[in-house]
Amino acid sequence: MNKEFAELKNKSSKELEAELMVAREDQFTLRIKHKTGQLNETSQLGEVKKKIARIKTLINANKLKDEK
């Protein structure tokens, strides 16, 4: 299991929502840098995208757990 995923798993729903907002801001910044040619490591785009997906997965899992 990814260390980052394990750390995210221990956070509450509010903390995950805040983390999601930060990750989306990072993604927006990286996309702008990529379009203007200022981004040297384009792999960062994929990493942020995966981080967003992990966070959204955990948020959804928490919602499903709370419903039961």
Protein backbone atom coordinates (compact mmCIF):
# COMPACT_ATOMS: atom_id res chain seq x y z
CA MET A 1 0.00 0.00 0.00
CA ASN A 2 1.19 3.49 -0.83
CA LYS A 3 2.47 5.47 2.18
CA GLU A 4 0.52 8.51 1.08
CA PHE A 5 -2.68 6.46 0.80
CA ALA A 6 -2.15 5.06 4.29
CA GLU A 7 -1.75 8.58 5.67
CA LEU A 8 -4.89 9.75 3.86
CA LYS A 9 -6.83 6.79 5.22
CA ASN A 10 -6.35 8.06 8.78
CA LYS A 11 -7.85 11.49 8.06
CA SER A 12 -11.42 12.56 8.73
CA SER A 13 -13.90 13.55 6.03
CA LYS A 14 -13.33 17.27 6.60
CA GLU A 15 -9.58 16.84 6.37
CA LEU A 16 -10.00 14.85 3.15
CA GLU A 17 -12.19 17.60 1.68
CA ALA A 18 -9.51 20.17 2.53
CA GLU A 19 -6.82 17.93 1.04
CA LEU A 20 -8.92 17.58 -2.11
CA MET A 21 -9.18 21.35 -2.51
CA VAL A 22 -5.40 21.72 -2.15
CA ALA A 23 -4.78 18.94 -4.68
CA ARG A 24 -7.16 20.53 -7.19
CA GLU A 25 -5.42 23.89 -6.79
CA ASP A 26 -2.09 22.14 -7.40
CA GLN A 27 -3.54 20.46 -10.48
CA PHE A 28 -4.78 23.78 -11.84
CA THR A 29 -1.39 25.42 -11.26
CA LEU A 30 0.43 22.56 -12.95
CA ARG A 31 -1.92 22.63 -15.94
CA ILE A 32 -1.33 26.36 -16.40
CA LYS A 33 2.44 25.88 -16.14
CA HIS A 34 2.25 23.03 -18.66
CA LYS A 35 0.31 25.14 -21.17
CA THR A 36 2.76 28.03 -20.85
CA GLY A 37 5.78 25.74 -21.18
CA GLN A 38 7.09 26.35 -17.65
CA LEU A 39 6.57 22.78 -16.39
CA ASN A 40 9.68 20.63 -16.73
CA GLU A 41 8.41 17.48 -15.03
CA THR A 42 5.14 16.60 -16.70
CA SER A 43 4.87 13.47 -14.57
CA GLN A 44 3.66 15.73 -11.76
CA LEU A 45 0.36 16.08 -13.61
CA GLY A 46 -0.28 12.35 -13.40
CA GLU A 47 0.78 12.19 -9.76
CA VAL A 48 -1.66 14.91 -8.76
CA LYS A 49 -4.42 13.27 -10.78
CA LYS A 50 -3.83 9.98 -8.95
CA LYS A 51 -3.78 11.77 -5.60
CA ILE A 52 -7.16 13.35 -6.38
CA ALA A 53 -8.55 9.94 -7.32
CA ARG A 54 -7.28 8.41 -4.06
CA ILE A 55 -8.83 11.19 -2.00
CA LYS A 56 -12.16 10.93 -3.80
CA THR A 57 -12.14 7.15 -3.31
CA LEU A 58 -11.64 7.55 0.44
CA ILE A 59 -14.34 10.23 0.67
CA ASN A 60 -16.79 7.94 -1.12
CA ALA A 61 -15.82 4.98 1.07
CA ASN A 62 -16.40 7.07 4.19
CA LYS A 63 -19.83 8.13 2.92
CA LEU A 64 -20.78 4.53 2.22
CA LYS A 65 -19.54 3.45 5.64
CA ASP A 66 -21.61 6.18 7.33
CA GLU A 67 -24.77 5.14 5.48
CA LYS A 68 -24.65 1.61 6.91
